[in-house]
Amino acid sequence: MFIDIHVDPYEIKKQTEFTMDFSEFEGFPVMQIDRGSYVSGAKIETSLNYHVSDGCYNLQIGKYCALAEDILFMIDLMHDYKYVFMGAVEELKNVENPNSSYDKYRVQRKGQILIENDVWIGHGVTIMGGVIIHNGAVIGADAVVTKDVPPYAVVAGNPARVIKYRFDEDVIQKLLTICWWDWTPEQIKQRQREMLLVAGDFVSIFYKKKRWDERIYNPINKNVDGLVYMCVADMQSTFPVFPKILDEFCYRYSNMDGQLIVFIRNNADKGNNLQLVLECLMKYEHVNCSVQIIDNETVSMQEVIYNSDCYITNRESENLKMVEIANFYSKRILSGVDISIWN
């Protein structure tokens, strides 16, 4: 199916979620877009109408992004070319696949496209599922983006490749530390003159050495030799991703060869979230896997990401910020909506 998108400049004043009703689910989120971003014209091509219950879908656009016309987002459309057939074989139509739900797809179903902040995407660009376009990137007209785009990179071609960067490395790192897109509208208004300066002069005014506080404290009790994966309990979401993450983790890492950290935010839903997480864990009480819940209000999300090896995404409103932090700390990022997550 195709979903048309058009968002006028200056229309979006705060983070906004667009939803769509399906026969199985009402109000499924098809796009999240934040303050100051616009889309002149785009289409989402997706298979949601066939299996929305799989939840293999997430499109999020950050702040102050400029998207031109005729952009195509291709989400969860991969053909499983590692089987001996790829077409619609009628004789196999009703044959049940004996593999587990996580192993029956030999090619990963990539259902996520993330666009961070201050990104410009040119006319006629195609963006494939599984891509993260990081802060400040430029995508040239008619490019086909198949891989993640680094911060402030300028990419073009089919497949898209880096041809240059907007600024030198020192300026880029300082801009990523300043994070001007997180300023309030009032702050931007007060700094109008500085916003028009060349990048080198801009960073010389606003750069401070540390963006996030890297405290020594490590809240993770690591008890495995493998990697540590971190996710956020989004149990209060209408379509939470955490149960899917937990199911697959306990299936993949039942030999204590990886650890899952479940971070519970310190907000009004904290108690309910914790109870729902514990209920999810109950069915795995006899599985030999390592899961640690962190619900300590003195522990920051930054500390958990900093001390983990990998962040697993979800569809929450704060997801892009967590991706930004993980990339800042050079952590691996996995999509919680992909099938499977661990490919």
C-alpha atoms as a PDB file:
ATOM      1  CA  MET A   1       0.000   0.000   0.000  1.00  0.00           C
ATOM      2  CA  PHE A   2       0.978   3.644  -0.453  1.00  0.00           C
ATOM      3  CA  ILE A   3       0.519   6.424   2.089  1.00  0.00           C
ATOM      4  CA  ASP A   4       0.824  10.011   0.863  1.00  0.00           C
ATOM      5  CA  ILE A   5       2.546  12.607   3.047  1.00  0.00           C
ATOM      6  CA  HIS A   6       2.506  16.384   2.825  1.00  0.00           C
ATOM      7  CA  VAL A   7       3.469  18.716   5.666  1.00  0.00           C
ATOM      8  CA  ASP A   8       3.793  22.456   5.036  1.00  0.00           C
ATOM      9  CA  PRO A   9       6.725  24.549   6.289  1.00  0.00           C
ATOM     10  CA  TYR A  10       6.045  26.073   9.741  1.00  0.00           C
ATOM     11  CA  GLU A  11       3.026  23.762  10.208  1.00  0.00           C
ATOM     12  CA  ILE A  12       4.554  21.541  12.894  1.00  0.00           C
ATOM     13  CA  LYS A  13       4.996  23.392  16.199  1.00  0.00           C
ATOM     14  CA  LYS A  14       5.649  20.345  18.391  1.00  0.00           C
ATOM     15  CA  GLN A  15       6.261  16.647  18.007  1.00  0.00           C
ATOM     16  CA  THR A  16       3.267  15.244  16.124  1.00  0.00           C
ATOM     17  CA  GLU A  17       2.183  11.675  15.413  1.00  0.00           C
ATOM     18  CA  PHE A  18       0.103  10.735  12.377  1.00  0.00           C
ATOM     19  CA  THR A  19      -1.939   7.551  12.725  1.00  0.00           C
ATOM     20  CA  MET A  20      -4.017   5.288  10.505  1.00  0.00           C
ATOM     21  CA  ASP A  21      -6.805   2.828  11.213  1.00  0.00           C
ATOM     22  CA  PHE A  22      -6.552  -0.781  10.056  1.00  0.00           C
ATOM     23  CA  SER A  23      -9.049  -3.605  10.391  1.00  0.00           C
ATOM     24  CA  GLU A  24      -6.997  -5.180  13.203  1.00  0.00           C
ATOM     25  CA  PHE A  25      -5.807  -1.995  14.921  1.00  0.00           C
ATOM     26  CA  GLU A  26      -7.016   1.560  15.208  1.00  0.00           C
ATOM     27  CA  GLY A  27      -4.661   4.503  15.507  1.00  0.00           C
ATOM     28  CA  PHE A  28      -1.466   2.763  14.377  1.00  0.00           C
ATOM     29  CA  PRO A  29       1.407   5.322  14.143  1.00  0.00           C
ATOM     30  CA  VAL A  30       2.527   5.753  10.525  1.00  0.00           C
ATOM     31  CA  MET A  31       4.756   8.819  11.000  1.00  0.00           C
ATOM     32  CA  GLN A  32       6.149  10.957  13.784  1.00  0.00           C
ATOM     33  CA  ILE A  33       7.526  14.396  12.886  1.00  0.00           C
ATOM     34  CA  ASP A  34       8.947  17.092  15.130  1.00  0.00           C
ATOM     35  CA  ARG A  35       9.025  20.882  15.340  1.00  0.00           C
ATOM     36  CA  GLY A  36      10.068  22.879  12.292  1.00  0.00           C
ATOM     37  CA  SER A  37      10.223  19.962   9.832  1.00  0.00           C
ATOM     38  CA  TYR A  38       8.304  19.831   6.559  1.00  0.00           C
ATOM     39  CA  VAL A  39       7.644  17.363   3.746  1.00  0.00           C
ATOM     40  CA  SER A  40       6.837  18.865   0.341  1.00  0.00           C
ATOM     41  CA  GLY A  41       5.644  15.519  -0.964  1.00  0.00           C
ATOM     42  CA  ALA A  42       6.429  11.898  -0.127  1.00  0.00           C
ATOM     43  CA  LYS A  43       4.995   8.407  -0.313  1.00  0.00           C
ATOM     44  CA  ILE A  44       5.392   5.556   2.116  1.00  0.00           C
ATOM     45  CA  GLU A  45       5.311   2.153   0.439  1.00  0.00           C
ATOM     46  CA  THR A  46       4.636  -0.481   3.066  1.00  0.00           C
ATOM     47  CA  SER A  47       3.098  -3.888   3.630  1.00  0.00           C
ATOM     48  CA  LEU A  48       1.223  -2.760   6.756  1.00  0.00           C
ATOM     49  CA  ASN A  49      -2.116  -3.599   5.166  1.00  0.00           C
ATOM     50  CA  TYR A  50      -1.083  -7.282   5.047  1.00  0.00           C
ATOM     51  CA  HIS A  51       0.396  -7.754   8.519  1.00  0.00           C
ATOM     52  CA  VAL A  52       0.066  -4.683  10.727  1.00  0.00           C
ATOM     53  CA  SER A  53      -0.056  -7.016  13.734  1.00  0.00           C
ATOM     54  CA  ASP A  54       3.637  -7.815  13.178  1.00  0.00           C
ATOM     55  CA  GLY A  55       4.437  -4.200  14.061  1.00  0.00           C
ATOM     56  CA  CYS A  56       7.395  -4.167  11.661  1.00  0.00           C
ATOM     57  CA  TYR A  57       7.125  -0.428  11.077  1.00  0.00           C
ATOM     58  CA  ASN A  58       8.536   2.845  12.406  1.00  0.00           C
ATOM     59  CA  LEU A  59       9.058   6.179  10.616  1.00  0.00           C
ATOM     60  CA  GLN A  60      10.315   9.104  12.704  1.00  0.00           C
ATOM     61  CA  ILE A  61      11.515  12.535  11.555  1.00  0.00           C
ATOM     62  CA  GLY A  62      13.277  14.897  13.943  1.00  0.00           C
ATOM     63  CA  LYS A  63      13.418  18.682  14.176  1.00  0.00           C
ATOM     64  CA  TYR A  64      14.070  21.258  11.456  1.00  0.00           C
ATOM     65  CA  CYS A  65      14.295  18.795   8.559  1.00  0.00           C
ATOM     66  CA  ALA A  66      13.558  19.813   4.960  1.00  0.00           C
ATOM     67  CA  LEU A  67      12.167  17.086   2.699  1.00  0.00           C
ATOM     68  CA  ALA A  68      11.531  17.868  -0.974  1.00  0.00           C
ATOM     69  CA  GLU A  69       8.992  16.314  -3.379  1.00  0.00           C
ATOM     70  CA  ASP A  70       8.699  12.779  -4.785  1.00  0.00           C
ATOM     71  CA  ILE A  71      10.466  11.139  -1.860  1.00  0.00           C
ATOM     72  CA  LEU A  72       9.766   7.422  -1.413  1.00  0.00           C
ATOM     73  CA  PHE A  73      10.080   5.565   1.895  1.00  0.00           C
ATOM     74  CA  MET A  74      10.176   1.780   1.327  1.00  0.00           C
ATOM     75  CA  ILE A  75       9.419   0.045   4.625  1.00  0.00           C
ATOM     76  CA  ASP A  76       9.349  -3.735   5.215  1.00  0.00           C
ATOM     77  CA  LEU A  77       9.291  -4.670   1.533  1.00  0.00           C
ATOM     78  CA  MET A  78      12.259  -7.047   1.276  1.00  0.00           C
ATOM     79  CA  HIS A  79      11.710 -10.290  -0.644  1.00  0.00           C
ATOM     80  CA  ASP A  80      13.215 -13.288   1.113  1.00  0.00           C
ATOM     81  CA  TYR A  81      15.677 -14.180  -1.654  1.00  0.00           C
ATOM     82  CA  LYS A  82      17.437 -16.831   0.470  1.00  0.00           C
ATOM     83  CA  TYR A  83      14.590 -19.295  -0.051  1.00  0.00           C
ATOM     84  CA  VAL A  84      14.625 -21.360  -3.248  1.00  0.00           C
ATOM     85  CA  PHE A  85      11.624 -19.402  -4.551  1.00  0.00           C
ATOM     86  CA  MET A  86      10.619 -15.728  -4.474  1.00  0.00           C
ATOM     87  CA  GLY A  87       7.278 -15.567  -6.226  1.00  0.00           C
ATOM     88  CA  ALA A  88       3.758 -16.533  -5.144  1.00  0.00           C
ATOM     89  CA  VAL A  89       3.857 -20.347  -5.359  1.00  0.00           C
ATOM     90  CA  GLU A  90       0.222 -21.404  -5.093  1.00  0.00           C
ATOM     91  CA  GLU A  91       1.093 -24.955  -4.035  1.00  0.00           C
ATOM     92  CA  LEU A  92       2.765 -23.509  -0.916  1.00  0.00           C
ATOM     93  CA  LYS A  93       0.016 -21.022  -0.119  1.00  0.00           C
ATOM     94  CA  ASN A  94      -1.353 -22.785   2.965  1.00  0.00           C
ATOM     95  CA  VAL A  95       1.776 -24.667   4.030  1.00  0.00           C
ATOM     96  CA  GLU A  96       2.831 -23.797   7.568  1.00  0.00           C
ATOM     97  CA  ASN A  97       6.497 -22.849   7.983  1.00  0.00           C
ATOM     98  CA  PRO A  98       8.047 -25.199  10.599  1.00  0.00           C
ATOM     99  CA  ASN A  99      10.662 -22.643  11.653  1.00  0.00           C
ATOM    100  CA  SER A 100      10.167 -20.366  14.661  1.00  0.00           C
ATOM    101  CA  SER A 101       8.767 -16.900  14.038  1.00  0.00           C
ATOM    102  CA  TYR A 102      12.306 -15.504  14.396  1.00  0.00           C
ATOM    103  CA  ASP A 103      13.971 -17.967  12.012  1.00  0.00           C
ATOM    104  CA  LYS A 104      11.432 -18.291   9.219  1.00  0.00           C
ATOM    105  CA  TYR A 105      12.701 -15.064   7.610  1.00  0.00           C
ATOM    106  CA  ARG A 106      16.166 -15.654   6.189  1.00  0.00           C
ATOM    107  CA  VAL A 107      16.375 -12.052   5.019  1.00  0.00           C
ATOM    108  CA  GLN A 108      15.710  -9.517   7.760  1.00  0.00           C
ATOM    109  CA  ARG A 109      12.455  -7.589   7.514  1.00  0.00           C
ATOM    110  CA  LYS A 110      13.562  -3.983   7.934  1.00  0.00           C
ATOM    111  CA  GLY A 111      10.689  -1.865   9.186  1.00  0.00           C
ATOM    112  CA  GLN A 112      12.373   1.273  10.462  1.00  0.00           C
ATOM    113  CA  ILE A 113      13.501   4.581   8.948  1.00  0.00           C
ATOM    114  CA  LEU A 114      14.848   7.232  11.316  1.00  0.00           C
ATOM    115  CA  ILE A 115      15.721  10.786  10.288  1.00  0.00           C
ATOM    116  CA  GLU A 116      17.344  12.819  13.030  1.00  0.00           C
ATOM    117  CA  ASN A 117      17.549  16.653  12.999  1.00  0.00           C
ATOM    118  CA  ASP A 118      18.625  19.411  10.570  1.00  0.00           C
ATOM    119  CA  VAL A 119      18.484  17.006   7.602  1.00  0.00           C
ATOM    120  CA  TRP A 120      17.876  18.039   3.985  1.00  0.00           C
ATOM    121  CA  ILE A 121      16.530  15.392   1.590  1.00  0.00           C
ATOM    122  CA  GLY A 122      16.399  16.327  -2.095  1.00  0.00           C
ATOM    123  CA  HIS A 123      13.875  15.673  -4.860  1.00  0.00           C
ATOM    124  CA  GLY A 124      13.167  12.091  -5.886  1.00  0.00           C
ATOM    125  CA  VAL A 125      15.127  10.371  -3.120  1.00  0.00           C
ATOM    126  CA  THR A 126      14.340   6.746  -2.230  1.00  0.00           C
ATOM    127  CA  ILE A 127      15.054   5.612   1.338  1.00  0.00           C
ATOM    128  CA  MET A 128      15.060   1.917   2.148  1.00  0.00           C
ATOM    129  CA  GLY A 129      13.940   0.352   5.396  1.00  0.00           C
ATOM    130  CA  GLY A 130      16.657  -0.083   7.993  1.00  0.00           C
ATOM    131  CA  VAL A 131      18.257   3.329   7.396  1.00  0.00           C
ATOM    132  CA  ILE A 132      19.182   5.973   9.970  1.00  0.00           C
ATOM    133  CA  ILE A 133      19.955   9.429   8.571  1.00  0.00           C
ATOM    134  CA  HIS A 134      21.923  11.195  11.270  1.00  0.00           C
ATOM    135  CA  ASN A 135      21.975  14.860  12.277  1.00  0.00           C
ATOM    136  CA  GLY A 136      22.871  17.463   9.687  1.00  0.00           C
ATOM    137  CA  ALA A 137      23.026  15.127   6.685  1.00  0.00           C
ATOM    138  CA  VAL A 138      22.261  16.137   3.080  1.00  0.00           C
ATOM    139  CA  ILE A 139      20.779  13.631   0.598  1.00  0.00           C
ATOM    140  CA  GLY A 140      21.227  14.623  -3.052  1.00  0.00           C
ATOM    141  CA  ALA A 141      18.365  14.480  -5.562  1.00  0.00           C
ATOM    142  CA  ASP A 142      17.421  11.015  -6.878  1.00  0.00           C
ATOM    143  CA  ALA A 143      19.726   9.229  -4.432  1.00  0.00           C
ATOM    144  CA  VAL A 144      18.842   5.721  -3.279  1.00  0.00           C
ATOM    145  CA  VAL A 145      19.743   5.435   0.397  1.00  0.00           C
ATOM    146  CA  THR A 146      20.418   1.848   1.456  1.00  0.00           C
ATOM    147  CA  LYS A 147      22.709   2.392   4.470  1.00  0.00           C
ATOM    148  CA  ASP A 148      23.003   4.737   7.434  1.00  0.00           C
ATOM    149  CA  VAL A 149      24.182   8.273   6.638  1.00  0.00           C
ATOM    150  CA  PRO A 150      26.786   9.761   9.041  1.00  0.00           C
ATOM    151  CA  PRO A 151      26.246  13.133  10.746  1.00  0.00           C
ATOM    152  CA  TYR A 152      26.730  16.110   8.417  1.00  0.00           C
ATOM    153  CA  ALA A 153      27.582  13.876   5.447  1.00  0.00           C
ATOM    154  CA  VAL A 154      26.555  14.866   1.916  1.00  0.00           C
ATOM    155  CA  VAL A 155      25.550  11.746  -0.027  1.00  0.00           C
ATOM    156  CA  ALA A 156      24.397  11.162  -3.604  1.00  0.00           C
ATOM    157  CA  GLY A 157      23.993   8.398  -6.173  1.00  0.00           C
ATOM    158  CA  ASN A 158      22.551   4.909  -6.450  1.00  0.00           C
ATOM    159  CA  PRO A 159      23.426   3.495  -4.013  1.00  0.00           C
ATOM    160  CA  ALA A 160      24.054   6.712  -2.093  1.00  0.00           C
ATOM    161  CA  ARG A 161      27.693   7.298  -1.129  1.00  0.00           C
ATOM    162  CA  VAL A 162      29.405  10.012   0.893  1.00  0.00           C
ATOM    163  CA  ILE A 163      30.880  12.624  -1.431  1.00  0.00           C
ATOM    164  CA  LYS A 164      31.867  15.176   1.219  1.00  0.00           C
ATOM    165  CA  TYR A 165      30.930  16.634   4.601  1.00  0.00           C
ATOM    166  CA  ARG A 166      29.270  19.967   5.279  1.00  0.00           C
ATOM    167  CA  PHE A 167      31.994  21.055   7.698  1.00  0.00           C
ATOM    168  CA  ASP A 168      35.354  19.845   8.979  1.00  0.00           C
ATOM    169  CA  GLU A 169      35.487  17.195  11.714  1.00  0.00           C
ATOM    170  CA  ASP A 170      36.148  19.631  14.554  1.00  0.00           C
ATOM    171  CA  VAL A 171      33.137  21.799  13.683  1.00  0.00           C
ATOM    172  CA  ILE A 172      30.908  18.728  13.227  1.00  0.00           C
ATOM    173  CA  GLN A 173      31.779  17.345  16.653  1.00  0.00           C
ATOM    174  CA  LYS A 174      31.120  20.710  18.253  1.00  0.00           C
ATOM    175  CA  LEU A 175      27.759  21.066  16.488  1.00  0.00           C
ATOM    176  CA  LEU A 176      26.785  17.591  17.705  1.00  0.00           C
ATOM    177  CA  THR A 177      27.706  18.704  21.206  1.00  0.00           C
ATOM    178  CA  ILE A 178      25.826  22.023  20.982  1.00  0.00           C
ATOM    179  CA  CYS A 179      22.703  20.300  19.640  1.00  0.00           C
ATOM    180  CA  TRP A 180      21.048  23.607  18.699  1.00  0.00           C
ATOM    181  CA  TRP A 181      17.853  21.895  17.479  1.00  0.00           C
ATOM    182  CA  ASP A 182      17.005  21.161  21.103  1.00  0.00           C
ATOM    183  CA  TRP A 183      16.907  24.862  21.942  1.00  0.00           C
ATOM    184  CA  THR A 184      13.462  26.257  22.649  1.00  0.00           C
ATOM    185  CA  PRO A 185      11.865  28.522  20.024  1.00  0.00           C
ATOM    186  CA  GLU A 186      12.489  31.413  22.422  1.00  0.00           C
ATOM    187  CA  GLN A 187      16.203  30.591  22.613  1.00  0.00           C
ATOM    188  CA  ILE A 188      16.490  30.418  18.834  1.00  0.00           C
ATOM    189  CA  LYS A 189      14.724  33.749  18.535  1.00  0.00           C
ATOM    190  CA  GLN A 190      17.134  35.302  21.029  1.00  0.00           C
ATOM    191  CA  ARG A 191      20.074  33.922  19.020  1.00  0.00           C
ATOM    192  CA  GLN A 192      18.881  34.895  15.542  1.00  0.00           C
ATOM    193  CA  ARG A 193      22.036  36.813  14.712  1.00  0.00           C
ATOM    194  CA  GLU A 194      24.337  33.994  15.839  1.00  0.00           C
ATOM    195  CA  MET A 195      22.327  31.427  13.826  1.00  0.00           C
ATOM    196  CA  LEU A 196      23.303  33.310  10.653  1.00  0.00           C
ATOM    197  CA  LEU A 197      27.041  33.178  11.367  1.00  0.00           C
ATOM    198  CA  VAL A 198      29.408  30.810   9.558  1.00  0.00           C
ATOM    199  CA  ALA A 199      29.625  27.472  11.360  1.00  0.00           C
ATOM    200  CA  GLY A 200      33.109  28.072  12.774  1.00  0.00           C
ATOM    201  CA  ASP A 201      32.080  31.314  14.439  1.00  0.00           C
ATOM    202  CA  PHE A 202      28.826  29.771  15.660  1.00  0.00           C
ATOM    203  CA  VAL A 203      30.531  26.897  17.476  1.00  0.00           C
ATOM    204  CA  SER A 204      33.160  29.205  18.975  1.00  0.00           C
ATOM    205  CA  ILE A 205      30.329  30.996  20.793  1.00  0.00           C
ATOM    206  CA  PHE A 206      28.183  28.069  21.946  1.00  0.00           C
ATOM    207  CA  TYR A 207      30.489  25.067  22.269  1.00  0.00           C
ATOM    208  CA  LYS A 208      30.963  23.616  25.727  1.00  0.00           C
ATOM    209  CA  LYS A 209      33.219  20.638  26.250  1.00  0.00           C
ATOM    210  CA  LYS A 210      30.658  18.168  27.585  1.00  0.00           C
ATOM    211  CA  ARG A 211      27.151  17.674  26.307  1.00  0.00           C
ATOM    212  CA  TRP A 212      26.163  14.793  28.560  1.00  0.00           C
ATOM    213  CA  ASP A 213      27.532  14.058  32.004  1.00  0.00           C
ATOM    214  CA  GLU A 214      29.664  10.899  31.769  1.00  0.00           C
ATOM    215  CA  ARG A 215      29.706   9.984  35.433  1.00  0.00           C
ATOM    216  CA  ILE A 216      31.880   7.102  36.607  1.00  0.00           C
ATOM    217  CA  TYR A 217      28.919   5.237  38.094  1.00  0.00           C
ATOM    218  CA  ASN A 218      27.996   2.111  36.160  1.00  0.00           C
ATOM    219  CA  PRO A 219      24.468   0.873  37.011  1.00  0.00           C
ATOM    220  CA  ILE A 220      24.827  -2.362  35.035  1.00  0.00           C
ATOM    221  CA  ASN A 221      25.547  -5.595  36.904  1.00  0.00           C
ATOM    222  CA  LYS A 222      27.115  -7.490  34.043  1.00  0.00           C
ATOM    223  CA  ASN A 223      27.095 -11.254  34.562  1.00  0.00           C
ATOM    224  CA  VAL A 224      27.760 -12.541  31.035  1.00  0.00           C
ATOM    225  CA  ASP A 225      30.693 -12.607  28.622  1.00  0.00           C
ATOM    226  CA  GLY A 226      28.603 -11.404  25.681  1.00  0.00           C
ATOM    227  CA  LEU A 227      27.271  -7.999  24.689  1.00  0.00           C
ATOM    228  CA  VAL A 228      24.993  -5.826  26.796  1.00  0.00           C
ATOM    229  CA  TYR A 229      21.826  -4.628  25.030  1.00  0.00           C
ATOM    230  CA  MET A 230      19.748  -1.752  26.371  1.00  0.00           C
ATOM    231  CA  CYS A 231      16.081  -1.008  25.703  1.00  0.00           C
ATOM    232  CA  VAL A 232      13.384   1.174  27.241  1.00  0.00           C
ATOM    233  CA  ALA A 233      10.189  -0.291  28.672  1.00  0.00           C
ATOM    234  CA  ASP A 234       7.516   1.349  26.502  1.00  0.00           C
ATOM    235  CA  MET A 235       4.677  -0.600  28.086  1.00  0.00           C
ATOM    236  CA  GLN A 236       2.389   2.432  28.276  1.00  0.00           C
ATOM    237  CA  SER A 237       2.550   2.893  24.498  1.00  0.00           C
ATOM    238  CA  THR A 238      -0.501   1.903  22.465  1.00  0.00           C
ATOM    239  CA  PHE A 239       1.692  -0.465  20.435  1.00  0.00           C
ATOM    240  CA  PRO A 240       4.651  -1.302  22.720  1.00  0.00           C
ATOM    241  CA  VAL A 241       7.837  -2.789  21.274  1.00  0.00           C
ATOM    242  CA  PHE A 242       9.340  -4.089  24.536  1.00  0.00           C
ATOM    243  CA  PRO A 243       7.410  -7.420  24.654  1.00  0.00           C
ATOM    244  CA  LYS A 244       8.747  -8.260  21.185  1.00  0.00           C
ATOM    245  CA  ILE A 245      12.306  -7.364  22.242  1.00  0.00           C
ATOM    246  CA  LEU A 246      12.028  -9.530  25.353  1.00  0.00           C
ATOM    247  CA  ASP A 247      10.543 -12.502  23.471  1.00  0.00           C
ATOM    248  CA  GLU A 248      13.325 -12.565  20.919  1.00  0.00           C
ATOM    249  CA  PHE A 249      16.090 -11.905  23.449  1.00  0.00           C
ATOM    250  CA  CYS A 250      15.013 -14.844  25.611  1.00  0.00           C
ATOM    251  CA  TYR A 251      14.874 -17.017  22.490  1.00  0.00           C
ATOM    252  CA  ARG A 252      18.292 -15.948  21.198  1.00  0.00           C
ATOM    253  CA  TYR A 253      20.232 -15.688  24.454  1.00  0.00           C
ATOM    254  CA  SER A 254      19.017 -18.600  26.560  1.00  0.00           C
ATOM    255  CA  ASN A 255      22.628 -19.666  27.257  1.00  0.00           C
ATOM    256  CA  MET A 256      23.656 -16.553  29.202  1.00  0.00           C
ATOM    257  CA  ASP A 257      25.663 -15.254  26.238  1.00  0.00           C
ATOM    258  CA  GLY A 258      24.123 -11.778  26.240  1.00  0.00           C
ATOM    259  CA  GLN A 259      22.473  -9.390  28.691  1.00  0.00           C
ATOM    260  CA  LEU A 260      19.359  -7.234  28.290  1.00  0.00           C
ATOM    261  CA  ILE A 261      19.017  -4.040  30.317  1.00  0.00           C
ATOM    262  CA  VAL A 262      15.435  -2.788  30.649  1.00  0.00           C
ATOM    263  CA  PHE A 263      15.321   0.910  31.535  1.00  0.00           C
ATOM    264  CA  ILE A 264      12.133   2.206  33.168  1.00  0.00           C
ATOM    265  CA  ARG A 265      11.669   5.955  33.010  1.00  0.00           C
ATOM    266  CA  ASN A 266      11.099   7.944  36.179  1.00  0.00           C
ATOM    267  CA  ASN A 267       7.682   9.389  35.356  1.00  0.00           C
ATOM    268  CA  ALA A 268       4.055   9.085  36.386  1.00  0.00           C
ATOM    269  CA  ASP A 269       3.759   5.691  34.661  1.00  0.00           C
ATOM    270  CA  LYS A 270       6.830   4.213  36.381  1.00  0.00           C
ATOM    271  CA  GLY A 271       4.908   1.913  38.740  1.00  0.00           C
ATOM    272  CA  ASN A 272       2.575   0.606  36.039  1.00  0.00           C
ATOM    273  CA  ASN A 273       5.478   0.110  33.639  1.00  0.00           C
ATOM    274  CA  LEU A 274       7.413  -1.909  36.203  1.00  0.00           C
ATOM    275  CA  GLN A 275       4.425  -4.142  36.923  1.00  0.00           C
ATOM    276  CA  LEU A 276       3.816  -4.758  33.216  1.00  0.00           C
ATOM    277  CA  VAL A 277       7.492  -5.559  32.649  1.00  0.00           C
ATOM    278  CA  LEU A 278       7.468  -8.060  35.519  1.00  0.00           C
ATOM    279  CA  GLU A 279       4.368  -9.705  34.058  1.00  0.00           C
ATOM    280  CA  CYS A 280       6.148 -10.061  30.705  1.00  0.00           C
ATOM    281  CA  LEU A 281       9.150 -11.631  32.432  1.00  0.00           C
ATOM    282  CA  MET A 282       7.080 -14.211  34.321  1.00  0.00           C
ATOM    283  CA  LYS A 283       6.712 -16.540  31.346  1.00  0.00           C
ATOM    284  CA  TYR A 284      10.508 -16.721  31.050  1.00  0.00           C
ATOM    285  CA  GLU A 285      11.272 -17.474  34.698  1.00  0.00           C
ATOM    286  CA  HIS A 286      12.644 -20.915  33.746  1.00  0.00           C
ATOM    287  CA  VAL A 287      14.784 -19.600  30.852  1.00  0.00           C
ATOM    288  CA  ASN A 288      18.495 -19.234  31.572  1.00  0.00           C
ATOM    289  CA  CYS A 289      18.975 -15.681  30.300  1.00  0.00           C
ATOM    290  CA  SER A 290      20.213 -12.431  31.834  1.00  0.00           C
ATOM    291  CA  VAL A 291      17.752  -9.533  32.149  1.00  0.00           C
ATOM    292  CA  GLN A 292      18.316  -6.568  34.475  1.00  0.00           C
ATOM    293  CA  ILE A 293      15.642  -3.971  35.236  1.00  0.00           C
ATOM    294  CA  ILE A 294      16.832  -0.453  36.065  1.00  0.00           C
ATOM    295  CA  ASP A 295      14.136   1.697  37.654  1.00  0.00           C
ATOM    296  CA  ASN A 296      16.350   3.724  40.002  1.00  0.00           C
ATOM    297  CA  GLU A 297      15.442   7.396  39.686  1.00  0.00           C
ATOM    298  CA  THR A 298      19.072   8.396  40.360  1.00  0.00           C
ATOM    299  CA  VAL A 299      20.257   6.561  37.230  1.00  0.00           C
ATOM    300  CA  SER A 300      20.136   8.501  33.972  1.00  0.00           C
ATOM    301  CA  MET A 301      19.354   7.074  30.566  1.00  0.00           C
ATOM    302  CA  GLN A 302      22.701   8.447  29.365  1.00  0.00           C
ATOM    303  CA  GLU A 303      24.548   6.382  31.976  1.00  0.00           C
ATOM    304  CA  VAL A 304      22.804   3.212  30.881  1.00  0.00           C
ATOM    305  CA  ILE A 305      23.506   3.822  27.185  1.00  0.00           C
ATOM    306  CA  TYR A 306      27.109   4.797  27.919  1.00  0.00           C
ATOM    307  CA  ASN A 307      27.724   1.527  29.779  1.00  0.00           C
ATOM    308  CA  SER A 308      25.894  -0.697  27.275  1.00  0.00           C
ATOM    309  CA  ASP A 309      27.142  -2.057  23.965  1.00  0.00           C
ATOM    310  CA  CYS A 310      23.957  -1.520  21.994  1.00  0.00           C
ATOM    311  CA  TYR A 311      20.681   0.417  22.075  1.00  0.00           C
ATOM    312  CA  ILE A 312      17.495  -1.216  20.748  1.00  0.00           C
ATOM    313  CA  THR A 313      14.987   1.257  19.320  1.00  0.00           C
ATOM    314  CA  ASN A 314      11.233   1.571  19.803  1.00  0.00           C
ATOM    315  CA  ARG A 315       8.453   3.911  18.610  1.00  0.00           C
ATOM    316  CA  GLU A 316       8.436   6.220  21.645  1.00  0.00           C
ATOM    317  CA  SER A 317       8.604   9.989  21.268  1.00  0.00           C
ATOM    318  CA  GLU A 318      12.077   9.987  22.893  1.00  0.00           C
ATOM    319  CA  ASN A 319      13.477   7.328  20.570  1.00  0.00           C
ATOM    320  CA  LEU A 320      15.356   9.717  18.254  1.00  0.00           C
ATOM    321  CA  LYS A 321      17.033  11.370  21.237  1.00  0.00           C
ATOM    322  CA  MET A 322      18.230   7.983  22.482  1.00  0.00           C
ATOM    323  CA  VAL A 323      19.521   7.106  19.005  1.00  0.00           C
ATOM    324  CA  GLU A 324      21.378  10.417  18.995  1.00  0.00           C
ATOM    325  CA  ILE A 325      22.984   9.669  22.372  1.00  0.00           C
ATOM    326  CA  ALA A 326      23.907   6.122  21.331  1.00  0.00           C
ATOM    327  CA  ASN A 327      25.546   7.385  18.149  1.00  0.00           C
ATOM    328  CA  PHE A 328      27.363  10.105  20.116  1.00  0.00           C
ATOM    329  CA  TYR A 329      28.894   7.353  22.272  1.00  0.00           C
ATOM    330  CA  SER A 330      29.609   5.148  19.208  1.00  0.00           C
ATOM    331  CA  LYS A 331      27.199   2.440  20.350  1.00  0.00           C
ATOM    332  CA  ARG A 332      25.609  -0.065  18.017  1.00  0.00           C
ATOM    333  CA  ILE A 333      21.936   0.584  17.229  1.00  0.00           C
ATOM    334  CA  LEU A 334      19.429  -2.191  16.515  1.00  0.00           C
ATOM    335  CA  SER A 335      15.830  -1.715  15.410  1.00  0.00           C
ATOM    336  CA  GLY A 336      13.314  -3.116  17.862  1.00  0.00           C
ATOM    337  CA  VAL A 337      10.646  -3.330  15.145  1.00  0.00           C
ATOM    338  CA  ASP A 338      12.704  -5.394  12.679  1.00  0.00           C
ATOM    339  CA  ILE A 339      12.037  -9.106  12.240  1.00  0.00           C
ATOM    340  CA  SER A 340      14.289 -10.396  13.458  1.00  0.00           C
ATOM    341  CA  ILE A 341      16.095  -7.860  15.670  1.00  0.00           C
ATOM    342  CA  TRP A 342      19.226  -9.995  15.851  1.00  0.00           C
ATOM    343  CA  ASN A 343      19.792 -10.909  12.221  1.00  0.00           C
END
